[in-house]
Amino acid sequence: MKKTFILGLCLLFIFLLTNCPEKLENPDDDGNDNGNTDPGEIEPEIDLMDGIIAIINQQEGTLDNPAFLKLEIDLGIMSNPESNWKIILEAIEKTEKYIDLDLSNCILESQSYSYFFPDFAVSTGKDKIVSLILPDTVTDITGGTGESNSAFKYFTNLKHASGENIIHIGNWAFYNCTKLEEANFPNVTEINLGVFYNCINLKEANFPEAVEIISNAFRNCKNLVSVSAPKVETIGTLAFYDCTSLAEINLSAVTKIYQNAFGNCLNLAKADFPLVITLGNQAFDNCIKLETVLFPKVEVIHSRTFFNCVNLKETDFSSAVHIADHAFYNCTSLEEIIFPKAMIIEPMSFGNCTSLTTARFLADPDPAKDSNSQPIHPLSPWLKQEPTLPCVSESLLFYNEAFNGCTSLITLDVRNAWNVYFAGNALNNIGETLVIYLYDDDGVLDNNGEIKPNYTGKSYGHPQLDNYLGAVSLKLIKIIAPNGTQLEKFLPNKAGYPGLFSDIKSRYSGNVTVMPIERN
């Protein structure tokens, strides 16, 4: 059991009476006792170092059972070589014992300072401090100048740190405090750059008032199991990178997650972020136990966001319009995907998703209109020899090798997209059978090639510009048009360019059987 503060004061008082009686004398006392002396006015001059040493030496002071020291003094200007803070550190050094240090009742330079600055340039005694409670009057912890000069640089055995009224913790403050297990700062509003980086024994992070977690804040905290920061809105780059034990997160207010924020969090099973709009590159890269990702407001899924999330099974990206390259690469447990609004699917975005059987992209884009509110022909840019993909803004675009290696893929559903563009090899190496659901309506052109008046449909009698799927492994293609009214619009010599059935069949002649188009 730790000794109480009262015991510490008693020991200090006994020590001073025994060893330094002259230091209890009133300097204004002339030696004549006239009965008017007020004991409350006596301010004994205390030898702080000797007193601290006396208290600590009365206790065991091991790493498992540290001595307890609680002080009520002015720490002074902490970087000053003659400050009381430096005296405390020197006294601890001389005892060669480990201590729990409580400074909660201390002030700094007669209350003129609110910054706690332990002075990273001095190592004396710091390696003996196991627990540290900061002064209640302090609101800020001064940061370091970088990884090599963190504020608590020499606190190599610090296990517990707390401060009831700390609002701000400076950059790199606890960087590389590898023994730190608990950090209790309930009123902190911002967790800055690298504050707990490489605190490999930190187990929990509870910051109920924090609104931002900046880059590298908890990076490489390998034993961090849970994080609760219900008011945090922004999570910076690499904030939790390599937190390999992280399993529980309460971050329900987050709206922005930046690059690699949770990369390599090997034990994280669920990422539920109902308010997130911004989701950066590699945000959950290599989260190998991640099974569920719910991001209903995200519009862009950036490169490698869920790269190698091999256990991912459930997703919600109901607002996503753009899926970047390798976004879900090697998500080998993913069986079905549904994207109600996605229009751009970049190369290898679902590469090597070997269990994926069903992919539904149900975007329902409106065609571009001219000045007379008539649909613009989708081939117009191509016919004008413009060096762009035709109708990019209205097309559902599958880029090269978007599904490369999806060897179980059978169903591709794009039934609501009036215009689909498959870049070469989009479906390379997907397996032997493909059932593809395509858009069909009356078509904007009549059989004479004229735009129909009062047109209410979207297509030109065909649902896509480039029908080369790049699926060299295919043996059977089955085409289904579930929404249409005129299936003949898919056939040769009808309105549209060209007849879809004929076009696909010609591209795969001799290699693939293309079944006649049918309704679902």
Protein backbone atom coordinates (compact mmCIF):
# COMPACT_ATOMS: atom_id res chain seq x y z
CA MET A 1 0.00 0.00 0.00
CA LYS A 2 1.18 3.50 -0.76
CA LYS A 3 1.93 5.82 2.15
CA THR A 4 -0.50 8.72 2.46
CA PHE A 5 0.38 12.36 2.08
CA ILE A 6 -0.23 12.90 5.81
CA LEU A 7 2.42 10.32 6.62
CA GLY A 8 4.77 12.06 4.23
CA LEU A 9 4.26 15.42 5.95
CA CYS A 10 4.75 13.86 9.37
CA LEU A 11 7.99 12.27 8.32
CA LEU A 12 9.16 15.52 6.79
CA PHE A 13 8.29 17.46 9.94
CA ILE A 14 10.04 14.92 12.19
CA PHE A 15 13.09 14.98 9.96
CA LEU A 16 13.29 18.75 10.06
CA LEU A 17 12.83 18.91 13.85
CA THR A 18 15.54 16.34 14.32
CA ASN A 19 18.08 17.51 11.82
CA CYS A 20 17.38 21.15 11.01
CA PRO A 21 15.83 22.86 14.09
CA GLU A 22 17.33 26.18 13.17
CA LYS A 23 15.28 26.23 9.93
CA LEU A 24 12.01 26.45 11.85
CA GLU A 25 12.90 29.73 13.49
CA ASN A 26 11.05 32.92 12.62
CA PRO A 27 13.61 35.22 10.98
CA ASP A 28 11.88 38.26 12.54
CA ASP A 29 11.96 36.86 16.07
CA ASP A 30 14.23 38.91 18.34
CA GLY A 31 14.27 36.23 21.00
CA ASN A 32 11.81 38.00 23.31
CA ASP A 33 8.57 36.13 23.80
CA ASN A 34 5.98 38.79 24.53
CA GLY A 35 3.04 36.47 24.05
CA ASN A 36 1.92 38.14 20.86
CA THR A 37 3.50 35.68 18.40
CA ASP A 38 1.04 34.25 15.86
CA PRO A 39 2.10 30.66 14.98
CA GLY A 40 0.34 31.04 11.61
CA GLU A 41 2.85 33.65 10.59
CA ILE A 42 5.81 31.41 11.12
CA GLU A 43 7.07 30.36 7.68
CA PRO A 44 9.84 27.85 8.31
CA GLU A 45 12.58 27.72 5.72
CA ILE A 46 12.48 24.11 4.53
CA ASP A 47 15.35 22.23 2.90
CA LEU A 48 13.23 20.72 0.13
CA MET A 49 15.77 18.24 -1.16
CA ASP A 50 16.60 16.75 2.24
CA GLY A 51 12.92 16.56 3.12
CA ILE A 52 12.02 14.70 -0.06
CA ILE A 53 14.90 12.30 0.37
CA ALA A 54 13.78 11.60 3.94
CA ILE A 55 10.22 10.80 2.85
CA ILE A 56 11.24 8.54 -0.02
CA ASN A 57 13.82 6.67 2.06
CA GLN A 58 11.13 5.66 4.55
CA GLN A 59 9.44 3.63 1.82
CA GLU A 60 10.30 0.56 -0.24
CA GLY A 61 10.54 2.42 -3.54
CA THR A 62 10.71 -0.53 -5.94
CA LEU A 63 9.31 -0.56 -9.44
CA ASP A 64 6.44 -2.78 -8.29
CA ASN A 65 5.90 -0.85 -5.06
CA PRO A 66 7.02 2.73 -5.65
CA ALA A 67 7.36 5.31 -2.91
CA PHE A 68 4.58 7.90 -2.79
CA LEU A 69 5.32 11.58 -2.76
CA LYS A 70 2.71 14.34 -2.78
CA LEU A 71 3.85 17.93 -2.67
CA GLU A 72 2.22 21.33 -2.27
CA ILE A 73 4.82 23.79 -3.50
CA ASP A 74 5.60 26.24 -6.29
CA LEU A 75 7.49 24.31 -8.96
CA GLY A 76 8.89 27.58 -10.27
CA ILE A 77 9.98 28.03 -13.87
CA MET A 78 10.52 24.36 -14.61
CA SER A 79 13.38 24.86 -17.07
CA ASN A 80 15.33 26.95 -14.56
CA PRO A 81 18.28 24.96 -13.10
CA GLU A 82 17.44 26.30 -9.62
CA SER A 83 13.69 25.66 -9.78
CA ASN A 84 11.93 23.47 -7.26
CA TRP A 85 11.13 21.08 -10.14
CA LYS A 86 14.84 20.51 -10.67
CA ILE A 87 15.34 20.03 -6.91
CA ILE A 88 12.61 17.36 -6.90
CA LEU A 89 14.30 15.52 -9.77
CA GLU A 90 17.72 15.71 -8.09
CA ALA A 91 16.30 14.38 -4.83
CA ILE A 92 14.67 11.46 -6.65
CA GLU A 93 17.95 10.74 -8.40
CA LYS A 94 19.83 10.61 -5.10
CA THR A 95 17.43 8.14 -3.50
CA GLU A 96 17.76 5.72 -6.43
CA LYS A 97 14.19 4.65 -5.71
CA TYR A 98 11.07 4.55 -7.88
CA ILE A 99 8.22 6.88 -6.95
CA ASP A 100 4.64 7.83 -7.67
CA LEU A 101 4.67 11.62 -7.84
CA ASP A 102 1.54 13.64 -7.10
CA LEU A 103 1.85 17.32 -8.01
CA SER A 104 -1.88 18.04 -8.11
CA ASN A 105 -1.67 20.69 -5.39
CA CYS A 106 1.38 22.41 -6.84
CA ILE A 107 1.53 25.69 -8.74
CA LEU A 108 4.01 27.09 -11.26
CA GLU A 109 5.88 30.32 -10.51
CA SER A 110 3.26 31.68 -8.15
CA GLN A 111 0.44 30.75 -10.54
CA SER A 112 1.71 32.79 -13.49
CA TYR A 113 2.17 29.75 -15.75
CA SER A 114 -0.36 27.20 -17.06
CA TYR A 115 2.15 25.12 -19.08
CA PHE A 116 3.72 22.01 -17.64
CA PHE A 117 7.20 21.79 -19.14
CA PRO A 118 9.26 18.87 -17.77
CA ASP A 119 12.30 20.05 -19.78
CA PHE A 120 13.26 17.36 -22.29
CA ALA A 121 16.93 18.38 -22.11
CA VAL A 122 17.32 17.04 -18.54
CA SER A 123 17.33 13.33 -17.72
CA THR A 124 17.97 13.54 -13.94
CA GLY A 125 15.59 11.41 -11.88
CA LYS A 126 12.94 11.04 -14.57
CA ASP A 127 13.54 7.34 -15.14
CA LYS A 128 12.44 6.70 -11.51
CA ILE A 129 8.98 8.25 -11.88
CA VAL A 130 6.36 5.51 -12.31
CA SER A 131 3.22 7.59 -11.92
CA LEU A 132 2.75 11.33 -12.41
CA ILE A 133 -0.24 13.51 -11.54
CA LEU A 134 0.07 17.00 -12.98
CA PRO A 135 -0.92 20.19 -11.10
CA ASP A 136 -4.61 21.00 -11.13
CA THR A 137 -3.71 24.56 -12.11
CA VAL A 138 -2.06 23.40 -15.34
CA THR A 139 -4.04 23.40 -18.61
CA ASP A 140 -1.30 22.68 -21.15
CA ILE A 141 1.56 20.22 -21.60
CA THR A 142 4.34 21.71 -23.66
CA GLY A 143 5.20 19.69 -26.73
CA GLY A 144 8.60 18.62 -27.96
CA THR A 145 10.39 19.80 -31.06
CA GLY A 146 10.27 16.39 -32.72
CA GLU A 147 10.66 12.67 -32.19
CA SER A 148 14.12 13.11 -30.66
CA ASN A 149 13.03 15.83 -28.22
CA SER A 150 9.67 14.76 -26.82
CA ALA A 151 8.50 16.48 -23.63
CA PHE A 152 8.64 13.27 -21.58
CA LYS A 153 11.72 11.95 -23.32
CA TYR A 154 13.51 10.49 -20.28
CA PHE A 155 10.43 9.17 -18.43
CA THR A 156 11.37 5.65 -19.44
CA ASN A 157 9.44 3.91 -16.63
CA LEU A 158 6.35 6.11 -16.61
CA LYS A 159 3.26 3.88 -16.44
CA HIS A 160 0.52 6.32 -15.43
CA ALA A 161 0.05 9.98 -16.35
CA SER A 162 -2.91 12.18 -15.56
CA GLY A 163 -4.04 15.77 -15.36
CA GLU A 164 -7.54 16.72 -14.36
CA ASN A 165 -7.62 20.08 -16.15
CA ILE A 166 -5.29 19.50 -19.10
CA ILE A 167 -6.90 20.82 -22.28
CA HIS A 168 -3.97 20.76 -24.70
CA ILE A 169 -1.11 18.27 -25.10
CA GLY A 170 1.70 19.46 -27.35
CA ASN A 171 3.25 17.57 -30.25
CA TRP A 172 5.28 14.43 -29.46
CA ALA A 173 4.69 14.92 -25.70
CA PHE A 174 4.70 11.23 -24.71
CA TYR A 175 6.46 9.89 -27.78
CA ASN A 176 8.27 6.62 -27.10
CA CYS A 177 7.12 6.34 -23.48
CA THR A 178 7.14 2.59 -23.99
CA LYS A 179 6.03 1.71 -20.43
CA LEU A 180 3.01 4.03 -20.41
CA GLU A 181 -0.15 2.02 -19.69
CA GLU A 182 -2.66 4.70 -18.77
CA ALA A 183 -3.11 8.33 -19.80
CA ASN A 184 -6.01 10.06 -18.07
CA PHE A 185 -6.71 13.51 -19.44
CA PRO A 186 -10.51 13.80 -19.40
CA ASN A 187 -10.70 17.41 -20.60
CA VAL A 188 -8.26 17.31 -23.51
CA THR A 189 -9.86 18.71 -26.67
CA GLU A 190 -7.12 17.95 -29.21
CA ILE A 191 -4.64 15.07 -29.43
CA ASN A 192 -1.75 16.49 -31.39
CA LEU A 193 0.98 15.20 -33.68
CA GLY A 194 2.59 12.04 -32.36
CA VAL A 195 1.51 12.59 -28.76
CA PHE A 196 1.39 8.87 -27.88
CA TYR A 197 3.40 7.53 -30.82
CA ASN A 198 5.19 4.29 -29.89
CA CYS A 199 3.60 4.03 -26.44
CA ILE A 200 3.58 0.30 -26.96
CA ASN A 201 2.03 -0.57 -23.57
CA LEU A 202 -0.85 1.91 -23.65
CA LYS A 203 -4.01 -0.19 -23.36
CA GLU A 204 -6.93 2.25 -23.39
CA ALA A 205 -7.50 5.71 -24.80
CA ASN A 206 -10.49 7.58 -23.34
CA PHE A 207 -10.82 11.21 -24.32
CA PRO A 208 -14.45 12.27 -23.86
CA GLU A 209 -13.89 15.93 -24.81
CA ALA A 210 -11.43 15.56 -27.70
CA VAL A 211 -12.63 16.80 -31.10
CA GLU A 212 -9.56 16.00 -33.18
CA ILE A 213 -6.90 13.28 -33.30
CA ILE A 214 -3.97 14.48 -35.39
CA SER A 215 -1.41 12.55 -37.44
CA ASN A 216 0.58 9.76 -35.77
CA ALA A 217 -1.17 10.42 -32.44
CA PHE A 218 -1.36 6.75 -31.39
CA ARG A 219 0.84 5.19 -34.03
CA ASN A 220 2.45 1.89 -33.08
CA CYS A 221 0.57 1.61 -29.78
CA LYS A 222 0.65 -2.15 -30.21
CA ASN A 223 -1.25 -2.99 -27.01
CA LEU A 224 -3.97 -0.39 -27.43
CA VAL A 225 -7.22 -2.37 -27.24
CA SER A 226 -9.95 0.27 -27.06
CA VAL A 227 -10.47 3.88 -28.06
CA SER A 228 -13.34 6.06 -26.91
CA ALA A 229 -13.55 9.62 -28.16
CA PRO A 230 -17.23 10.23 -28.95
CA LYS A 231 -16.76 13.89 -29.91
CA VAL A 232 -13.81 13.49 -32.28
CA GLU A 233 -14.59 14.69 -35.80
CA THR A 234 -11.22 14.27 -37.54
CA ILE A 235 -8.70 11.42 -37.47
CA GLY A 236 -5.37 12.33 -39.02
CA THR A 237 -2.92 10.43 -41.20
CA LEU A 238 -1.45 7.31 -39.54
CA ALA A 239 -3.25 8.20 -36.29
CA PHE A 240 -3.76 4.55 -35.29
CA TYR A 241 -1.40 2.91 -37.74
CA ASP A 242 0.10 -0.35 -36.45
CA CYS A 243 -2.21 -0.48 -33.42
CA THR A 244 -2.26 -4.22 -33.92
CA SER A 245 -4.41 -5.01 -30.82
CA LEU A 246 -7.08 -2.38 -31.42
CA ALA A 247 -10.48 -4.09 -31.30
CA GLU A 248 -13.02 -1.59 -29.93
CA ILE A 249 -13.63 1.95 -31.17
CA ASN A 250 -16.19 4.55 -30.14
CA LEU A 251 -15.73 7.31 -32.70
CA SER A 252 -19.31 7.94 -33.75
CA ALA A 253 -18.93 11.67 -34.49
CA VAL A 254 -16.05 11.33 -36.97
CA THR A 255 -16.55 12.98 -40.37
CA LYS A 256 -13.00 12.76 -41.78
CA ILE A 257 -10.52 9.88 -41.77
CA TYR A 258 -7.22 10.51 -43.47
CA GLN A 259 -4.56 8.35 -45.12
CA ASN A 260 -3.62 5.10 -43.39
CA ALA A 261 -5.35 6.18 -40.19
CA PHE A 262 -6.17 2.58 -39.20
CA GLY A 263 -3.70 0.78 -41.41
CA ASN A 264 -2.47 -2.55 -40.08
CA CYS A 265 -4.96 -2.65 -37.18
CA LEU A 266 -4.92 -6.42 -37.25
CA ASN A 267 -7.67 -7.05 -34.65
CA LEU A 268 -10.26 -4.50 -35.71
CA ALA A 269 -13.43 -6.35 -36.76
CA LYS A 270 -15.93 -3.55 -37.41
CA ALA A 271 -15.69 -0.02 -38.75
CA ASP A 272 -19.01 1.78 -38.34
CA PHE A 273 -18.75 5.46 -39.24
CA PRO A 274 -22.22 6.82 -40.05
CA LEU A 275 -21.06 10.44 -40.49
CA VAL A 276 -17.78 10.03 -42.37
CA ILE A 277 -17.61 11.92 -45.66
CA THR A 278 -13.85 11.92 -46.29
CA LEU A 279 -12.06 8.56 -46.35
CA GLY A 280 -8.38 8.67 -47.30
CA ASN A 281 -6.01 6.34 -49.13
CA GLN A 282 -5.16 3.10 -47.34
CA ALA A 283 -7.31 4.11 -44.37
CA PHE A 284 -7.92 0.47 -43.38
CA ASP A 285 -5.13 -1.17 -45.36
CA ASN A 286 -4.31 -4.69 -44.13
CA CYS A 287 -6.97 -4.81 -41.41
CA ILE A 288 -7.07 -8.57 -41.78
CA LYS A 289 -9.89 -9.24 -39.25
CA LEU A 290 -12.16 -6.48 -40.49
CA GLU A 291 -15.54 -8.04 -41.35
CA THR A 292 -17.93 -5.08 -41.51
CA VAL A 293 -17.44 -1.58 -42.94
CA LEU A 294 -20.34 0.88 -42.83
CA PHE A 295 -19.77 4.26 -44.46
CA PRO A 296 -23.17 5.38 -45.79
CA LYS A 297 -22.08 8.98 -46.52
CA VAL A 298 -18.70 8.44 -48.20
CA GLU A 299 -18.68 9.50 -51.87
CA VAL A 300 -15.13 8.55 -52.85
CA ILE A 301 -13.38 5.33 -51.80
CA HIS A 302 -9.73 6.09 -52.38
CA SER A 303 -6.83 3.90 -53.45
CA ARG A 304 -6.13 0.82 -51.33
CA THR A 305 -8.62 1.91 -48.67
CA PHE A 306 -9.47 -1.71 -47.77
CA PHE A 307 -6.49 -3.39 -49.39
CA ASN A 308 -5.98 -6.95 -48.10
CA CYS A 309 -8.95 -6.92 -45.73
CA VAL A 310 -9.22 -10.65 -46.23
CA ASN A 311 -12.18 -11.19 -43.86
CA LEU A 312 -14.37 -8.37 -45.15
CA LYS A 313 -17.93 -9.57 -45.80
CA GLU A 314 -20.40 -6.74 -45.18
CA THR A 315 -20.28 -3.24 -46.66
CA ASP A 316 -22.47 -0.15 -46.85
CA PHE A 317 -21.41 2.51 -49.32
CA SER A 318 -24.81 3.77 -50.34
CA SER A 319 -23.47 7.22 -51.32
CA ALA A 320 -20.22 6.20 -53.05
CA VAL A 321 -19.86 7.45 -56.63
CA HIS A 322 -16.16 6.70 -57.21
CA ILE A 323 -14.11 3.61 -56.31
CA ALA A 324 -10.38 4.11 -56.82
CA ASP A 325 -7.73 1.58 -57.83
CA HIS A 326 -7.09 -1.39 -55.53
CA ALA A 327 -9.70 -0.09 -53.08
CA PHE A 328 -10.86 -3.63 -52.20
CA TYR A 329 -7.95 -5.57 -53.62
CA ASN A 330 -7.54 -9.06 -52.12
CA CYS A 331 -10.71 -8.88 -50.03
CA THR A 332 -10.96 -12.61 -50.48
CA SER A 333 -14.05 -13.17 -48.27
CA LEU A 334 -16.22 -10.58 -49.99
CA GLU A 335 -19.12 -12.43 -51.66
CA GLU A 336 -21.57 -9.73 -52.74
CA ILE A 337 -21.30 -5.98 -53.28
CA ILE A 338 -24.03 -3.40 -53.87
CA PHE A 339 -23.24 0.16 -54.87
CA PRO A 340 -26.42 2.17 -55.54
CA LYS A 341 -24.62 5.24 -56.94
CA ALA A 342 -21.08 4.26 -57.99
CA MET A 343 -20.19 5.40 -61.53
CA ILE A 344 -16.40 5.08 -61.72
CA ILE A 345 -14.67 1.79 -60.90
CA GLU A 346 -10.92 2.12 -61.37
CA PRO A 347 -8.31 -0.54 -62.25
CA MET A 348 -7.98 -3.47 -59.87
CA SER A 349 -10.50 -1.92 -57.49
CA PHE A 350 -11.86 -5.43 -56.79
CA GLY A 351 -8.81 -7.33 -57.97
CA ASN A 352 -8.36 -10.82 -56.56
CA CYS A 353 -11.65 -10.82 -54.65
CA THR A 354 -11.78 -14.56 -55.18
CA SER A 355 -15.08 -15.20 -53.35
CA LEU A 356 -17.03 -12.43 -55.06
CA THR A 357 -20.00 -13.93 -56.89
CA THR A 358 -22.35 -10.96 -57.31
CA ALA A 359 -21.58 -7.32 -58.12
CA ARG A 360 -24.44 -4.83 -58.41
CA PHE A 361 -23.88 -1.27 -59.59
CA LEU A 362 -27.33 0.26 -59.65
CA ALA A 363 -26.61 3.88 -60.53
CA ASP A 364 -29.37 5.57 -62.51
CA PRO A 365 -27.66 8.50 -64.28
CA ASP A 366 -29.39 11.10 -66.40
CA PRO A 367 -28.05 11.68 -69.92
CA ALA A 368 -26.60 15.05 -70.78
CA LYS A 369 -28.98 17.48 -72.51
CA ASP A 370 -28.38 20.09 -75.16
CA SER A 371 -29.67 23.68 -75.12
CA ASN A 372 -33.05 22.41 -76.26
CA SER A 373 -33.22 19.92 -73.39
CA GLN A 374 -32.75 17.05 -75.82
CA PRO A 375 -30.41 14.15 -74.96
CA ILE A 376 -26.92 14.44 -76.41
CA HIS A 377 -25.91 11.38 -78.38
CA PRO A 378 -23.39 9.41 -76.24
CA LEU A 379 -21.03 9.00 -79.17
CA SER A 380 -20.91 12.72 -79.82
CA PRO A 381 -17.42 13.26 -78.32
CA TRP A 382 -16.09 10.26 -80.22
CA LEU A 383 -17.67 11.37 -83.51
CA LYS A 384 -16.08 14.78 -83.02
CA GLN A 385 -12.73 13.08 -82.42
CA GLU A 386 -12.42 14.54 -78.96
CA PRO A 387 -9.61 12.77 -77.00
CA THR A 388 -11.83 11.68 -74.13
CA LEU A 389 -14.00 8.76 -73.24
CA PRO A 390 -17.50 9.33 -74.57
CA CYS A 391 -20.11 10.48 -72.10
CA VAL A 392 -17.85 10.18 -69.08
CA SER A 393 -20.10 12.12 -66.74
CA GLU A 394 -23.13 9.99 -67.56
CA SER A 395 -21.46 6.62 -68.05
CA LEU A 396 -20.90 3.78 -65.66
CA LEU A 397 -17.19 3.22 -66.25
CA PHE A 398 -15.31 0.00 -65.54
CA TYR A 399 -11.60 0.51 -66.04
CA ASN A 400 -8.90 -2.02 -66.97
CA GLU A 401 -8.84 -5.13 -64.83
CA ALA A 402 -11.37 -3.74 -62.35
CA PHE A 403 -12.38 -7.33 -61.51
CA ASN A 404 -9.16 -9.11 -62.44
CA GLY A 405 -8.86 -12.34 -60.49
CA CYS A 406 -12.48 -12.45 -59.30
CA THR A 407 -12.64 -16.10 -60.28
CA SER A 408 -16.04 -16.72 -58.66
CA LEU A 409 -17.85 -13.76 -60.25
CA ILE A 410 -21.02 -14.89 -61.99
CA THR A 411 -23.46 -11.98 -61.78
CA LEU A 412 -22.78 -8.41 -62.88
CA ASP A 413 -25.84 -6.21 -62.51
CA VAL A 414 -25.85 -2.77 -64.18
CA ARG A 415 -29.55 -2.76 -65.01
CA ASN A 416 -30.19 0.93 -64.27
CA ALA A 417 -27.28 2.45 -66.16
CA TRP A 418 -28.34 3.52 -69.65
CA ASN A 419 -24.71 3.86 -70.70
CA VAL A 420 -21.92 1.50 -69.61
CA TYR A 421 -18.29 1.53 -70.66
CA PHE A 422 -16.05 -1.49 -70.20
CA ALA A 423 -12.39 -0.71 -70.75
CA GLY A 424 -10.32 -3.53 -72.19
CA ASN A 425 -9.77 -6.41 -69.78
CA ALA A 426 -12.16 -5.01 -67.17
CA LEU A 427 -13.30 -8.56 -66.44
CA ASN A 428 -10.04 -10.35 -67.06
CA ASN A 429 -9.68 -13.70 -65.32
CA ILE A 430 -13.13 -13.84 -63.75
CA GLY A 431 -14.12 -17.43 -64.41
CA GLU A 432 -16.13 -19.23 -67.10
CA THR A 433 -19.71 -17.97 -66.77
CA LEU A 434 -21.12 -14.44 -66.63
CA VAL A 435 -24.75 -13.37 -66.21
CA ILE A 436 -24.95 -9.67 -67.02
CA TYR A 437 -28.02 -7.52 -66.38
CA LEU A 438 -28.23 -4.61 -68.83
CA TYR A 439 -30.44 -1.59 -69.30
CA ASP A 440 -33.16 -1.55 -71.96
CA ASP A 441 -35.81 1.02 -72.86
CA ASP A 442 -37.49 2.38 -75.95
CA GLY A 443 -34.37 4.15 -77.11
CA VAL A 444 -34.18 7.82 -78.01
CA LEU A 445 -34.02 7.21 -81.78
CA ASP A 446 -36.77 5.89 -83.94
CA ASN A 447 -36.08 3.37 -86.72
CA ASN A 448 -35.26 6.20 -89.10
CA GLY A 449 -32.51 7.41 -86.81
CA GLU A 450 -34.44 10.50 -85.70
CA ILE A 451 -34.74 11.67 -82.10
CA LYS A 452 -38.17 10.85 -80.83
CA PRO A 453 -40.32 13.77 -79.70
CA ASN A 454 -41.39 13.83 -76.05
CA TYR A 455 -38.73 11.28 -75.27
CA THR A 456 -38.85 9.98 -71.69
CA GLY A 457 -36.25 7.23 -71.83
CA LYS A 458 -32.47 7.45 -71.58
CA SER A 459 -30.71 5.16 -73.99
CA TYR A 460 -30.12 5.09 -77.73
CA GLY A 461 -31.38 1.58 -78.06
CA HIS A 462 -28.24 0.08 -76.56
CA PRO A 463 -26.91 0.22 -73.04
CA GLN A 464 -23.22 0.76 -73.60
CA LEU A 465 -20.43 2.04 -75.79
CA ASP A 466 -17.79 -0.64 -75.49
CA ASN A 467 -18.89 -4.21 -75.04
CA TYR A 468 -15.48 -5.78 -74.90
CA LEU A 469 -15.42 -7.19 -71.41
CA GLY A 470 -11.89 -8.52 -71.57
CA ALA A 471 -13.05 -11.74 -69.98
CA VAL A 472 -10.71 -14.13 -71.77
CA SER A 473 -11.61 -16.98 -69.40
CA LEU A 474 -15.32 -16.88 -70.27
CA LYS A 475 -17.12 -19.76 -71.93
CA LEU A 476 -20.70 -18.56 -71.46
CA ILE A 477 -22.30 -15.09 -71.38
CA LYS A 478 -25.96 -14.74 -70.54
CA ILE A 479 -27.51 -11.32 -71.14
CA ILE A 480 -30.63 -10.27 -69.26
CA ALA A 481 -32.60 -7.06 -69.81
CA PRO A 482 -34.93 -6.82 -66.82
CA ASN A 483 -36.34 -3.30 -67.29
CA GLY A 484 -36.93 -2.88 -70.98
CA THR A 485 -39.84 -2.75 -73.37
CA GLN A 486 -38.16 -3.46 -76.73
CA LEU A 487 -35.65 -6.26 -76.61
CA GLU A 488 -35.11 -5.92 -80.35
CA LYS A 489 -33.19 -2.74 -79.63
CA PHE A 490 -30.33 -4.99 -78.61
CA LEU A 491 -30.27 -6.73 -81.99
CA PRO A 492 -28.51 -5.86 -85.24
CA ASN A 493 -29.99 -3.49 -87.83
CA LYS A 494 -32.15 -1.68 -85.31
CA ALA A 495 -31.90 1.77 -83.76
CA GLY A 496 -28.80 2.01 -81.65
CA TYR A 497 -25.15 1.54 -82.35
CA PRO A 498 -24.55 -1.33 -82.66
CA GLY A 499 -26.92 -4.13 -81.76
CA LEU A 500 -25.67 -5.34 -78.42
CA PHE A 501 -26.21 -9.04 -78.88
CA SER A 502 -24.47 -9.03 -82.21
CA ASP A 503 -21.59 -6.93 -80.95
CA ILE A 504 -20.80 -9.09 -77.92
CA LYS A 505 -21.23 -12.26 -79.94
CA SER A 506 -18.83 -11.05 -82.61
CA ARG A 507 -16.17 -10.21 -80.06
CA TYR A 508 -16.33 -13.65 -78.47
CA SER A 509 -17.02 -15.76 -81.54
CA GLY A 510 -15.30 -19.09 -81.38
CA ASN A 511 -14.50 -18.73 -77.68
CA VAL A 512 -17.74 -17.96 -75.90
CA THR A 513 -21.38 -18.91 -76.25
CA VAL A 514 -23.56 -15.82 -75.98
CA MET A 515 -27.09 -16.74 -75.01
CA PRO A 516 -30.00 -14.79 -76.51
CA ILE A 517 -31.12 -11.80 -74.49
CA GLU A 518 -33.99 -12.54 -72.17
CA ARG A 519 -36.07 -10.81 -69.56
CA ASN A 520 -35.46 -11.61 -65.93
